[in-house]
Amino acid sequence: MIIKSAEFITSAVKPGQYPETGLPEIAFAGRSNVGKSSLINTLINRRNLVKTSATPGKTRLINFFRINDAFLFVDLPGYGYAKVPASEREQWGPMVETYLRSRAELKGVILLQDIRRTPGEKERELIAFMNHIQLPHACIITKADKLSKSKQTINMRQILAELAPGEADLICFSTKTRQGRERAWGTITRMIGIDNGGPAVEDRESKENTELS
């Protein structure tokens, strides 16, 4: 995917604040510190369009970004960070559930999971909810560069087993090496229903990606 433009539009907590663009949307969900901001920046070839922070729990709103004037990326607030006040943690569920249920422009969700961590109850609940409302989704496994290739394969199998049988298309991703970027774009463009025209030269990645056999 060649990125010609990418811009922040607005933040929201309720439907009346969502932007009225009429463009298809892809949302990104995951625990605090799973690497959502870094992943989105890597996908769109920008360093700091989505602000990253060393402190987990900083994204507490639903943030909308317009890409190529053709579709939107939506950064959902991270969940599961204990130091966020309980009142704010409790708001995450209803805020995100309302968006996932009501947003007609939403075409799919990318769920992020740290390759070094075991999926927990929140991840399983979110997948069950998306299955219940028949919302397309895929799982990207982040921070792959933190592990060796052999360990990546082992952990990917464990994550797949934990998430749910048939929760198929896991994509092993690294913002450092850009491993998985092309596959991620393939999944996103299929969800949106557009042709990405094949990878640009700048988007080509090593064929040494770890894949489940």
N, C-alpha and C. Protein backbone atom coordinates (compact mmCIF):
# COMPACT_ATOMS: atom_id res chain seq x y z
N MET A 1 0.85 -1.20 0.00
CA MET A 1 0.00 0.00 0.00
C MET A 1 0.88 1.24 0.00
N ILE A 2 0.68 2.11 -0.99
CA ILE A 2 1.40 3.37 -1.04
C ILE A 2 0.60 4.42 -0.27
N ILE A 3 1.21 5.01 0.74
CA ILE A 3 0.52 5.99 1.56
C ILE A 3 0.81 7.39 1.03
N LYS A 4 -0.22 8.05 0.56
CA LYS A 4 -0.08 9.40 0.00
C LYS A 4 -0.42 10.48 1.02
N SER A 5 -1.31 10.16 1.95
CA SER A 5 -1.68 11.13 2.97
C SER A 5 -2.20 10.41 4.20
N ALA A 6 -1.97 11.00 5.35
CA ALA A 6 -2.45 10.45 6.61
C ALA A 6 -2.57 11.60 7.60
N GLU A 7 -3.76 11.73 8.20
CA GLU A 7 -3.96 12.85 9.11
C GLU A 7 -4.91 12.47 10.24
N PHE A 8 -4.66 13.07 11.40
CA PHE A 8 -5.57 12.92 12.53
C PHE A 8 -6.82 13.75 12.27
N ILE A 9 -7.99 13.16 12.57
CA ILE A 9 -9.25 13.89 12.37
C ILE A 9 -9.80 14.39 13.69
N THR A 10 -10.09 13.45 14.60
CA THR A 10 -10.73 13.84 15.85
C THR A 10 -10.67 12.70 16.85
N SER A 11 -11.00 13.03 18.10
CA SER A 11 -11.16 12.02 19.16
C SER A 11 -12.62 12.02 19.60
N ALA A 12 -13.06 10.87 20.11
CA ALA A 12 -14.47 10.77 20.49
C ALA A 12 -14.64 9.80 21.66
N VAL A 13 -15.74 9.96 22.37
CA VAL A 13 -16.12 9.01 23.41
C VAL A 13 -17.54 8.48 23.19
N LYS A 14 -18.30 9.13 22.30
CA LYS A 14 -19.68 8.69 22.05
C LYS A 14 -20.06 8.94 20.60
N PRO A 15 -21.11 8.29 20.11
CA PRO A 15 -21.46 8.35 18.69
C PRO A 15 -21.62 9.76 18.14
N GLY A 16 -22.17 10.68 18.92
CA GLY A 16 -22.37 12.03 18.43
C GLY A 16 -21.08 12.76 18.09
N GLN A 17 -19.96 12.21 18.56
CA GLN A 17 -18.65 12.82 18.31
C GLN A 17 -17.88 12.13 17.18
N TYR A 18 -18.41 11.03 16.65
CA TYR A 18 -17.72 10.34 15.57
C TYR A 18 -17.73 11.23 14.32
N PRO A 19 -16.65 11.19 13.52
CA PRO A 19 -16.63 12.01 12.30
C PRO A 19 -17.60 11.46 11.25
N GLU A 20 -18.18 12.35 10.50
CA GLU A 20 -19.13 11.96 9.45
C GLU A 20 -18.43 12.03 8.09
N THR A 21 -17.60 11.04 7.83
CA THR A 21 -16.86 11.01 6.56
C THR A 21 -17.48 10.10 5.52
N GLY A 22 -18.23 9.09 5.99
CA GLY A 22 -18.78 8.11 5.07
C GLY A 22 -17.76 7.12 4.55
N LEU A 23 -16.53 7.20 5.03
CA LEU A 23 -15.46 6.31 4.56
C LEU A 23 -15.39 5.05 5.43
N PRO A 24 -14.96 3.93 4.84
CA PRO A 24 -14.81 2.70 5.62
C PRO A 24 -13.74 2.85 6.70
N GLU A 25 -13.91 2.10 7.80
CA GLU A 25 -12.99 2.21 8.93
C GLU A 25 -12.46 0.85 9.35
N ILE A 26 -11.20 0.85 9.78
CA ILE A 26 -10.58 -0.31 10.40
C ILE A 26 -10.13 0.11 11.79
N ALA A 27 -10.54 -0.63 12.81
CA ALA A 27 -10.20 -0.29 14.19
C ALA A 27 -9.09 -1.20 14.71
N PHE A 28 -8.30 -0.65 15.63
CA PHE A 28 -7.20 -1.39 16.24
C PHE A 28 -7.45 -1.46 17.75
N ALA A 29 -7.43 -2.69 18.29
CA ALA A 29 -7.71 -2.89 19.71
C ALA A 29 -6.62 -3.73 20.34
N GLY A 30 -6.45 -3.57 21.65
CA GLY A 30 -5.46 -4.38 22.35
C GLY A 30 -5.15 -3.81 23.72
N ARG A 31 -4.40 -4.56 24.49
CA ARG A 31 -4.02 -4.11 25.82
C ARG A 31 -3.12 -2.89 25.76
N SER A 32 -3.09 -2.14 26.84
CA SER A 32 -2.16 -1.03 26.96
C SER A 32 -0.74 -1.54 26.78
N ASN A 33 0.06 -0.79 26.04
CA ASN A 33 1.47 -1.11 25.81
C ASN A 33 1.69 -2.29 24.87
N VAL A 34 0.65 -2.67 24.12
CA VAL A 34 0.81 -3.77 23.16
C VAL A 34 1.48 -3.29 21.87
N GLY A 35 1.52 -1.97 21.68
CA GLY A 35 2.18 -1.43 20.50
C GLY A 35 1.26 -0.95 19.40
N LYS A 36 0.02 -0.55 19.75
CA LYS A 36 -0.92 -0.11 18.71
C LYS A 36 -0.42 1.12 17.96
N SER A 37 0.02 2.13 18.72
CA SER A 37 0.46 3.37 18.08
C SER A 37 1.64 3.12 17.15
N SER A 38 2.61 2.36 17.63
CA SER A 38 3.80 2.07 16.81
C SER A 38 3.42 1.28 15.57
N LEU A 39 2.50 0.34 15.71
CA LEU A 39 2.08 -0.47 14.56
C LEU A 39 1.40 0.39 13.51
N ILE A 40 0.49 1.26 13.93
CA ILE A 40 -0.20 2.12 12.97
C ILE A 40 0.80 3.03 12.26
N ASN A 41 1.73 3.62 13.01
CA ASN A 41 2.75 4.47 12.40
C ASN A 41 3.59 3.70 11.38
N THR A 42 3.90 2.45 11.68
CA THR A 42 4.67 1.62 10.75
C THR A 42 3.87 1.32 9.49
N LEU A 43 2.60 1.02 9.65
CA LEU A 43 1.75 0.73 8.49
C LEU A 43 1.68 1.92 7.53
N ILE A 44 1.62 3.12 8.08
CA ILE A 44 1.41 4.29 7.23
C ILE A 44 2.70 5.05 6.95
N ASN A 45 3.85 4.48 7.34
CA ASN A 45 5.15 5.10 7.07
C ASN A 45 5.26 6.50 7.67
N ARG A 46 4.77 6.65 8.88
CA ARG A 46 4.91 7.92 9.60
C ARG A 46 5.55 7.64 10.96
N ARG A 47 6.35 8.58 11.42
CA ARG A 47 7.01 8.37 12.71
C ARG A 47 6.11 8.65 13.90
N ASN A 48 5.35 9.75 13.81
CA ASN A 48 4.63 10.20 15.00
C ASN A 48 3.22 10.69 14.72
N LEU A 49 2.57 10.14 13.67
CA LEU A 49 1.18 10.56 13.46
C LEU A 49 0.34 10.14 14.66
N VAL A 50 0.52 8.87 15.06
CA VAL A 50 -0.12 8.40 16.29
C VAL A 50 0.91 8.52 17.40
N LYS A 51 0.61 9.29 18.41
CA LYS A 51 1.57 9.56 19.46
C LYS A 51 1.83 8.31 20.28
N THR A 52 3.12 8.00 20.46
CA THR A 52 3.50 6.87 21.28
C THR A 52 3.97 7.37 22.63
N SER A 53 3.89 6.50 23.63
CA SER A 53 4.30 6.89 24.98
C SER A 53 4.90 5.70 25.69
N ALA A 54 5.89 5.99 26.54
CA ALA A 54 6.49 4.93 27.35
C ALA A 54 5.58 4.54 28.50
N THR A 55 4.59 5.36 28.75
CA THR A 55 3.65 5.10 29.85
C THR A 55 2.39 4.46 29.31
N PRO A 56 2.06 3.23 29.69
CA PRO A 56 0.83 2.59 29.23
C PRO A 56 -0.40 3.35 29.68
N GLY A 57 -1.50 3.15 28.95
CA GLY A 57 -2.78 3.72 29.38
C GLY A 57 -3.00 5.16 28.94
N LYS A 58 -2.16 5.68 28.03
CA LYS A 58 -2.30 7.07 27.62
C LYS A 58 -3.46 7.28 26.64
N THR A 59 -3.76 6.28 25.81
CA THR A 59 -4.87 6.41 24.86
C THR A 59 -6.16 6.07 25.56
N ARG A 60 -6.97 7.09 25.85
CA ARG A 60 -8.21 6.87 26.58
C ARG A 60 -9.44 7.33 25.81
N LEU A 61 -9.23 7.72 24.57
CA LEU A 61 -10.31 8.14 23.69
C LEU A 61 -10.26 7.30 22.43
N ILE A 62 -11.32 7.36 21.64
CA ILE A 62 -11.32 6.73 20.33
C ILE A 62 -10.79 7.76 19.34
N ASN A 63 -9.64 7.46 18.72
CA ASN A 63 -8.98 8.42 17.84
C ASN A 63 -9.11 8.00 16.38
N PHE A 64 -9.48 8.94 15.53
CA PHE A 64 -9.76 8.68 14.12
C PHE A 64 -8.68 9.33 13.24
N PHE A 65 -8.18 8.56 12.26
CA PHE A 65 -7.15 9.03 11.34
C PHE A 65 -7.59 8.72 9.90
N ARG A 66 -7.53 9.72 9.04
CA ARG A 66 -7.92 9.52 7.63
C ARG A 66 -6.67 9.17 6.82
N ILE A 67 -6.76 8.08 6.06
CA ILE A 67 -5.64 7.58 5.27
C ILE A 67 -5.98 7.67 3.78
N ASN A 68 -5.12 8.35 3.01
CA ASN A 68 -5.27 8.45 1.55
C ASN A 68 -6.64 9.01 1.12
N ASP A 69 -7.31 9.70 2.04
CA ASP A 69 -8.65 10.20 1.75
C ASP A 69 -9.59 9.09 1.27
N ALA A 70 -9.27 7.84 1.67
CA ALA A 70 -10.04 6.69 1.18
C ALA A 70 -10.64 5.86 2.30
N PHE A 71 -10.02 5.85 3.47
CA PHE A 71 -10.52 5.08 4.60
C PHE A 71 -9.93 5.64 5.89
N LEU A 72 -10.44 5.14 7.02
CA LEU A 72 -9.98 5.61 8.32
C LEU A 72 -9.37 4.48 9.13
N PHE A 73 -8.33 4.79 9.88
CA PHE A 73 -7.84 3.94 10.95
C PHE A 73 -8.39 4.51 12.25
N VAL A 74 -8.83 3.62 13.12
CA VAL A 74 -9.41 4.04 14.39
C VAL A 74 -8.65 3.36 15.53
N ASP A 75 -8.01 4.17 16.35
CA ASP A 75 -7.19 3.69 17.46
C ASP A 75 -8.07 3.65 18.71
N LEU A 76 -8.41 2.45 19.15
CA LEU A 76 -9.25 2.30 20.34
C LEU A 76 -8.39 2.37 21.60
N PRO A 77 -8.94 2.85 22.70
CA PRO A 77 -8.14 2.95 23.94
C PRO A 77 -7.69 1.58 24.43
N GLY A 78 -6.46 1.51 24.89
CA GLY A 78 -5.93 0.26 25.42
C GLY A 78 -6.59 -0.11 26.73
N TYR A 79 -6.70 -1.38 26.99
CA TYR A 79 -7.35 -1.85 28.22
C TYR A 79 -6.36 -2.63 29.08
N GLY A 80 -6.72 -2.81 30.34
CA GLY A 80 -5.97 -3.72 31.20
C GLY A 80 -4.82 -3.10 31.97
N TYR A 81 -4.65 -1.77 31.93
CA TYR A 81 -3.54 -1.18 32.67
C TYR A 81 -4.00 -0.82 34.07
N ALA A 82 -3.41 -1.44 35.08
CA ALA A 82 -3.89 -1.35 36.45
C ALA A 82 -3.82 0.06 37.02
N LYS A 83 -2.87 0.87 36.57
CA LYS A 83 -2.69 2.19 37.17
C LYS A 83 -3.66 3.24 36.65
N VAL A 84 -4.42 2.90 35.61
CA VAL A 84 -5.50 3.78 35.18
C VAL A 84 -6.60 3.69 36.23
N PRO A 85 -7.17 4.82 36.66
CA PRO A 85 -8.23 4.77 37.66
C PRO A 85 -9.35 3.81 37.29
N ALA A 86 -9.88 3.13 38.29
CA ALA A 86 -10.91 2.11 38.05
C ALA A 86 -12.10 2.69 37.29
N SER A 87 -12.45 3.93 37.59
CA SER A 87 -13.60 4.55 36.92
C SER A 87 -13.35 4.67 35.42
N GLU A 88 -12.10 4.96 35.04
CA GLU A 88 -11.78 5.06 33.62
C GLU A 88 -11.70 3.70 32.96
N ARG A 89 -11.17 2.70 33.68
CA ARG A 89 -11.12 1.35 33.13
C ARG A 89 -12.53 0.84 32.85
N GLU A 90 -13.47 1.17 33.72
CA GLU A 90 -14.85 0.71 33.57
C GLU A 90 -15.54 1.37 32.38
N GLN A 91 -15.06 2.56 31.98
CA GLN A 91 -15.66 3.25 30.85
C GLN A 91 -15.25 2.64 29.52
N TRP A 92 -14.11 1.92 29.51
CA TRP A 92 -13.59 1.39 28.26
C TRP A 92 -14.58 0.46 27.58
N GLY A 93 -15.13 -0.48 28.37
CA GLY A 93 -16.04 -1.47 27.79
C GLY A 93 -17.23 -0.86 27.08
N PRO A 94 -18.04 -0.05 27.78
CA PRO A 94 -19.20 0.55 27.13
C PRO A 94 -18.83 1.46 25.95
N MET A 95 -17.75 2.23 26.09
CA MET A 95 -17.36 3.14 25.02
C MET A 95 -16.99 2.38 23.76
N VAL A 96 -16.18 1.34 23.92
CA VAL A 96 -15.74 0.56 22.77
C VAL A 96 -16.87 -0.31 22.23
N GLU A 97 -17.65 -0.91 23.12
CA GLU A 97 -18.76 -1.76 22.66
C GLU A 97 -19.75 -0.95 21.84
N THR A 98 -20.04 0.27 22.28
CA THR A 98 -20.95 1.12 21.52
C THR A 98 -20.42 1.39 20.12
N TYR A 99 -19.13 1.69 20.05
CA TYR A 99 -18.53 1.93 18.73
C TYR A 99 -18.59 0.68 17.86
N LEU A 100 -18.20 -0.47 18.41
CA LEU A 100 -18.18 -1.70 17.62
C LEU A 100 -19.58 -2.11 17.17
N ARG A 101 -20.58 -1.88 18.01
CA ARG A 101 -21.95 -2.27 17.67
C ARG A 101 -22.60 -1.32 16.68
N SER A 102 -22.34 -0.02 16.84
CA SER A 102 -23.17 0.97 16.16
C SER A 102 -22.55 1.58 14.91
N ARG A 103 -21.25 1.46 14.73
CA ARG A 103 -20.60 2.20 13.66
C ARG A 103 -20.76 1.49 12.32
N ALA A 104 -21.62 2.02 11.49
CA ALA A 104 -21.90 1.39 10.20
C ALA A 104 -20.67 1.37 9.30
N GLU A 105 -19.79 2.36 9.44
CA GLU A 105 -18.61 2.45 8.58
C GLU A 105 -17.52 1.44 8.95
N LEU A 106 -17.63 0.82 10.13
CA LEU A 106 -16.61 -0.12 10.60
C LEU A 106 -16.64 -1.41 9.78
N LYS A 107 -15.52 -1.73 9.14
CA LYS A 107 -15.44 -2.92 8.29
C LYS A 107 -14.67 -4.07 8.94
N GLY A 108 -13.92 -3.79 9.99
CA GLY A 108 -13.17 -4.86 10.64
C GLY A 108 -12.32 -4.33 11.77
N VAL A 109 -11.86 -5.26 12.61
CA VAL A 109 -11.04 -4.92 13.77
C VAL A 109 -9.74 -5.73 13.72
N ILE A 110 -8.65 -5.06 14.00
CA ILE A 110 -7.36 -5.71 14.16
C ILE A 110 -7.07 -5.80 15.66
N LEU A 111 -7.04 -7.02 16.18
CA LEU A 111 -6.73 -7.23 17.60
C LEU A 111 -5.23 -7.49 17.73
N LEU A 112 -4.58 -6.73 18.59
CA LEU A 112 -3.14 -6.88 18.79
C LEU A 112 -2.85 -7.67 20.06
N GLN A 113 -1.84 -8.54 19.97
CA GLN A 113 -1.42 -9.37 21.08
C GLN A 113 0.10 -9.40 21.13
N ASP A 114 0.68 -9.10 22.27
CA ASP A 114 2.14 -9.16 22.46
C ASP A 114 2.60 -10.61 22.36
N ILE A 115 3.60 -10.86 21.51
CA ILE A 115 4.05 -12.23 21.29
C ILE A 115 4.65 -12.85 22.54
N ARG A 116 5.06 -12.04 23.50
CA ARG A 116 5.69 -12.55 24.72
C ARG A 116 4.69 -12.83 25.83
N ARG A 117 3.41 -12.52 25.58
CA ARG A 117 2.38 -12.65 26.61
C ARG A 117 1.35 -13.71 26.21
N THR A 118 0.70 -14.26 27.20
CA THR A 118 -0.39 -15.20 26.95
C THR A 118 -1.70 -14.43 26.87
N PRO A 119 -2.53 -14.67 25.87
CA PRO A 119 -3.83 -13.99 25.80
C PRO A 119 -4.64 -14.24 27.06
N GLY A 120 -5.35 -13.21 27.49
CA GLY A 120 -6.12 -13.32 28.72
C GLY A 120 -7.61 -13.29 28.47
N GLU A 121 -8.35 -13.12 29.54
CA GLU A 121 -9.81 -13.13 29.48
C GLU A 121 -10.34 -12.00 28.59
N LYS A 122 -9.70 -10.82 28.67
CA LYS A 122 -10.17 -9.68 27.88
C LYS A 122 -10.10 -9.97 26.38
N GLU A 123 -9.00 -10.59 25.95
CA GLU A 123 -8.86 -10.91 24.53
C GLU A 123 -9.91 -11.92 24.10
N ARG A 124 -10.12 -12.96 24.93
CA ARG A 124 -11.11 -13.98 24.57
C ARG A 124 -12.52 -13.39 24.56
N GLU A 125 -12.81 -12.50 25.50
CA GLU A 125 -14.13 -11.86 25.55
C GLU A 125 -14.35 -10.99 24.31
N LEU A 126 -13.32 -10.26 23.92
CA LEU A 126 -13.45 -9.38 22.75
C LEU A 126 -13.68 -10.19 21.48
N ILE A 127 -12.95 -11.29 21.33
CA ILE A 127 -13.14 -12.15 20.15
C ILE A 127 -14.53 -12.76 20.15
N ALA A 128 -14.99 -13.22 21.32
CA ALA A 128 -16.34 -13.80 21.40
C ALA A 128 -17.39 -12.75 21.05
N PHE A 129 -17.18 -11.53 21.52
CA PHE A 129 -18.13 -10.45 21.22
C PHE A 129 -18.16 -10.16 19.72
N MET A 130 -16.98 -10.07 19.09
CA MET A 130 -16.95 -9.79 17.66
C MET A 130 -17.56 -10.92 16.85
N ASN A 131 -17.33 -12.15 17.29
CA ASN A 131 -17.99 -13.28 16.62
C ASN A 131 -19.50 -13.19 16.77
N HIS A 132 -19.96 -12.78 17.95
CA HIS A 132 -21.39 -12.69 18.23
C HIS A 132 -22.08 -11.67 17.32
N ILE A 133 -21.43 -10.53 17.11
CA ILE A 133 -22.03 -9.50 16.27
C ILE A 133 -21.59 -9.62 14.81
N GLN A 134 -20.86 -10.71 14.51
CA GLN A 134 -20.41 -11.01 13.15
C GLN A 134 -19.57 -9.88 12.56
N LEU A 135 -18.64 -9.41 13.37
CA LEU A 135 -17.74 -8.34 12.95
C LEU A 135 -16.41 -8.95 12.50
N PRO A 136 -16.00 -8.77 11.26
CA PRO A 136 -14.73 -9.33 10.79
C PRO A 136 -13.56 -8.85 11.65
N HIS A 137 -12.60 -9.73 11.89
CA HIS A 137 -11.44 -9.35 12.69
C HIS A 137 -10.26 -10.24 12.34
N ALA A 138 -9.08 -9.76 12.70
CA ALA A 138 -7.85 -10.52 12.51
C ALA A 138 -6.93 -10.19 13.68
N CYS A 139 -5.95 -11.05 13.91
CA CYS A 139 -5.04 -10.87 15.04
C CYS A 139 -3.61 -10.62 14.54
N ILE A 140 -3.02 -9.52 15.00
CA ILE A 140 -1.63 -9.23 14.71
C ILE A 140 -0.83 -9.43 16.00
N ILE A 141 0.22 -10.22 15.91
CA ILE A 141 1.06 -10.53 17.07
C ILE A 141 2.27 -9.60 17.03
N THR A 142 2.35 -8.69 17.98
CA THR A 142 3.34 -7.62 17.95
C THR A 142 4.65 -7.99 18.65
N LYS A 143 5.65 -7.14 18.40
CA LYS A 143 6.96 -7.21 19.06
C LYS A 143 7.70 -8.51 18.74
N ALA A 144 7.55 -8.97 17.50
CA ALA A 144 8.18 -10.23 17.08
C ALA A 144 9.69 -10.19 17.20
N ASP A 145 10.29 -8.99 17.02
CA ASP A 145 11.75 -8.88 17.07
C ASP A 145 12.32 -9.14 18.46
N LYS A 146 11.47 -9.22 19.46
CA LYS A 146 11.92 -9.49 20.82
C LYS A 146 12.30 -10.96 21.01
N LEU A 147 11.91 -11.83 20.04
CA LEU A 147 12.15 -13.26 20.17
C LEU A 147 12.88 -13.80 18.94
N SER A 148 13.55 -14.93 19.11
CA SER A 148 14.17 -15.61 17.98
C SER A 148 13.09 -16.19 17.07
N LYS A 149 13.48 -16.56 15.86
CA LYS A 149 12.52 -17.12 14.91
C LYS A 149 11.86 -18.39 15.46
N SER A 150 12.67 -19.25 16.09
CA SER A 150 12.11 -20.50 16.61
C SER A 150 11.15 -20.22 17.75
N LYS A 151 11.50 -19.27 18.61
CA LYS A 151 10.62 -18.93 19.73
C LYS A 151 9.35 -18.24 19.24
N GLN A 152 9.47 -17.46 18.16
CA GLN A 152 8.28 -16.86 17.56
C GLN A 152 7.27 -17.94 17.19
N THR A 153 7.73 -18.97 16.51
CA THR A 153 6.84 -20.03 16.06
C THR A 153 6.17 -20.72 17.23
N ILE A 154 6.94 -21.02 18.27
CA ILE A 154 6.40 -21.68 19.46
C ILE A 154 5.31 -20.81 20.10
N ASN A 155 5.62 -19.53 20.29
CA ASN A 155 4.66 -18.64 20.95
C ASN A 155 3.44 -18.37 20.10
N MET A 156 3.62 -18.31 18.79
CA MET A 156 2.48 -18.11 17.91
C MET A 156 1.50 -19.28 18.03
N ARG A 157 2.01 -20.48 18.12
CA ARG A 157 1.15 -21.66 18.28
C ARG A 157 0.41 -21.61 19.62
N GLN A 158 1.11 -21.19 20.66
CA GLN A 158 0.49 -21.11 21.97
C GLN A 158 -0.61 -20.05 21.99
N ILE A 159 -0.34 -18.92 21.36
CA ILE A 159 -1.33 -17.85 21.31
C ILE A 159 -2.56 -18.30 20.53
N LEU A 160 -2.35 -18.97 19.42
CA LEU A 160 -3.46 -19.48 18.62
C LEU A 160 -4.33 -20.43 19.43
N ALA A 161 -3.68 -21.31 20.18
CA ALA A 161 -4.42 -22.28 21.00
C ALA A 161 -5.22 -21.58 22.09
N GLU A 162 -4.66 -20.50 22.64
CA GLU A 162 -5.34 -19.79 23.73
C GLU A 162 -6.51 -18.95 23.22
N LEU A 163 -6.35 -18.33 22.06
CA LEU A 163 -7.37 -17.41 21.58
C LEU A 163 -8.66 -18.14 21.24
N ALA A 164 -8.54 -19.20 20.44
CA ALA A 164 -9.71 -20.00 20.08
C ALA A 164 -9.38 -20.82 18.85
N PRO A 165 -9.87 -22.06 18.80
CA PRO A 165 -9.65 -22.88 17.61
C PRO A 165 -10.25 -22.18 16.39
N GLY A 166 -9.51 -22.18 15.31
CA GLY A 166 -10.01 -21.57 14.08
C GLY A 166 -9.85 -20.07 14.02
N GLU A 167 -9.23 -19.48 15.05
CA GLU A 167 -8.99 -18.03 15.04
C GLU A 167 -7.75 -17.81 14.18
N ALA A 168 -7.90 -18.05 12.95
CA ALA A 168 -6.86 -18.41 12.02
C ALA A 168 -5.74 -17.41 11.79
N ASP A 169 -5.99 -16.37 11.07
CA ASP A 169 -4.94 -15.63 10.41
C ASP A 169 -4.13 -14.76 11.38
N LEU A 170 -3.21 -15.38 12.11
CA LEU A 170 -2.31 -14.62 12.96
C LEU A 170 -1.17 -14.07 12.11
N ILE A 171 -0.88 -12.79 12.31
CA ILE A 171 0.20 -12.14 11.57
C ILE A 171 1.29 -11.74 12.55
N CYS A 172 2.48 -12.26 12.35
CA CYS A 172 3.62 -11.96 13.20
C CYS A 172 4.22 -10.64 12.73
N PHE A 173 4.31 -9.64 13.63
CA PHE A 173 4.62 -8.28 13.22
C PHE A 173 5.74 -7.68 14.07
N SER A 174 6.60 -6.89 13.43
CA SER A 174 7.63 -6.13 14.14
C SER A 174 7.71 -4.73 13.56
N THR A 175 7.58 -3.73 14.41
CA THR A 175 7.75 -2.36 13.93
C THR A 175 9.21 -2.05 13.65
N LYS A 176 10.10 -2.80 14.26
CA LYS A 176 11.54 -2.57 14.08
C LYS A 176 12.02 -3.10 12.74
N THR A 177 11.65 -4.33 12.40
CA THR A 177 12.11 -4.95 11.15
C THR A 177 11.08 -4.85 10.03
N ARG A 178 9.85 -4.43 10.37
CA ARG A 178 8.72 -4.33 9.44
C ARG A 178 8.23 -5.70 8.99
N GLN A 179 8.63 -6.73 9.69
CA GLN A 179 8.10 -8.07 9.44
C GLN A 179 6.58 -8.05 9.58
N GLY A 180 5.91 -8.62 8.61
CA GLY A 180 4.45 -8.73 8.67
C GLY A 180 3.69 -7.56 8.10
N ARG A 181 4.38 -6.48 7.70
CA ARG A 181 3.68 -5.28 7.24
C ARG A 181 2.86 -5.55 5.98
N GLU A 182 3.45 -6.26 5.03
CA GLU A 182 2.75 -6.54 3.78
C GLU A 182 1.52 -7.42 4.02
N ARG A 183 1.69 -8.44 4.86
CA ARG A 183 0.55 -9.31 5.18
C ARG A 183 -0.55 -8.55 5.89
N ALA A 184 -0.17 -7.64 6.79
CA ALA A 184 -1.16 -6.85 7.51
C ALA A 184 -1.96 -5.99 6.54
N TRP A 185 -1.27 -5.35 5.60
CA TRP A 185 -1.99 -4.55 4.61
C TRP A 185 -2.90 -5.41 3.75
N GLY A 186 -2.47 -6.62 3.42
CA GLY A 186 -3.33 -7.51 2.65
C GLY A 186 -4.63 -7.80 3.39
N THR A 187 -4.53 -8.05 4.69
CA THR A 187 -5.72 -8.31 5.50
C THR A 187 -6.61 -7.07 5.58
N ILE A 188 -6.01 -5.92 5.80
CA ILE A 188 -6.77 -4.67 5.93
C ILE A 188 -7.50 -4.33 4.64
N THR A 189 -6.82 -4.43 3.51
CA THR A 189 -7.48 -4.08 2.25
C THR A 189 -8.60 -5.06 1.90
N ARG A 190 -8.44 -6.31 2.29
CA ARG A 190 -9.54 -7.27 2.07
C ARG A 190 -10.75 -6.90 2.92
N MET A 191 -10.51 -6.50 4.16
CA MET A 191 -11.63 -6.09 5.02
C MET A 191 -12.36 -4.87 4.44
N ILE A 192 -11.58 -3.91 3.95
CA ILE A 192 -12.17 -2.69 3.42
C ILE A 192 -12.84 -2.96 2.07
N GLY A 193 -12.29 -3.93 1.34
CA GLY A 193 -12.84 -4.24 0.03
C GLY A 193 -12.21 -3.43 -1.07
N ILE A 194 -10.92 -3.09 -0.91
CA ILE A 194 -10.22 -2.36 -1.95
C ILE A 194 -9.00 -3.16 -2.40
N ASP A 195 -8.48 -2.81 -3.56
CA ASP A 195 -7.28 -3.44 -4.10
C ASP A 195 -6.10 -2.55 -3.78
N ASN A 196 -5.11 -3.09 -3.05
CA ASN A 196 -3.97 -2.24 -2.71
C ASN A 196 -2.96 -2.14 -3.84
N GLY A 197 -3.25 -2.80 -4.96
CA GLY A 197 -2.39 -2.66 -6.12
C GLY A 197 -1.06 -3.37 -6.00
N GLY A 198 -0.93 -4.25 -4.99
CA GLY A 198 0.34 -4.92 -4.79
C GLY A 198 1.27 -4.04 -4.00
N PRO A 199 2.30 -4.59 -3.39
CA PRO A 199 3.19 -3.79 -2.57
C PRO A 199 4.07 -2.87 -3.39
N ALA A 200 4.24 -1.65 -2.91
CA ALA A 200 5.21 -0.75 -3.52
C ALA A 200 6.60 -1.22 -3.15
N VAL A 201 7.61 -0.71 -3.88
CA VAL A 201 8.98 -1.11 -3.58
C VAL A 201 9.31 -0.82 -2.13
N GLU A 202 8.86 0.33 -1.61
CA GLU A 202 9.18 0.70 -0.24
C GLU A 202 8.51 -0.22 0.77
N ASP A 203 7.49 -0.97 0.33
CA ASP A 203 6.75 -1.82 1.24
C ASP A 203 7.24 -3.26 1.27
N ARG A 204 8.14 -3.63 0.37
CA ARG A 204 8.54 -5.03 0.29
C ARG A 204 9.32 -5.42 1.53
N GLU A 205 9.01 -6.59 2.06
CA GLU A 205 9.65 -7.06 3.27
C GLU A 205 10.33 -8.38 3.01
N SER A 206 11.15 -8.80 3.94
CA SER A 206 11.88 -10.06 3.82
C SER A 206 10.89 -11.22 3.73
N LYS A 207 11.27 -12.24 2.95
CA LYS A 207 10.42 -13.42 2.84
C LYS A 207 10.69 -14.40 3.97
N GLU A 208 11.46 -13.94 4.95
CA GLU A 208 11.81 -14.82 6.05
C GLU A 208 10.81 -14.73 7.18
N ASN A 209 9.62 -14.15 6.93
CA ASN A 209 8.61 -14.03 7.96
C ASN A 209 8.31 -15.38 8.57
N THR A 210 8.06 -15.39 9.86
CA THR A 210 7.64 -16.61 10.53
C THR A 210 6.19 -16.88 10.24
N GLU A 211 5.88 -18.08 9.76
CA GLU A 211 4.49 -18.45 9.50
C GLU A 211 4.22 -19.81 10.11
N LEU A 212 2.98 -20.03 10.48
CA LEU A 212 2.58 -21.31 11.03
C LEU A 212 2.52 -22.32 9.90
N SER A 213 3.12 -23.46 10.11
CA SER A 213 3.04 -24.51 9.08
C SER A 213 1.92 -25.46 9.39
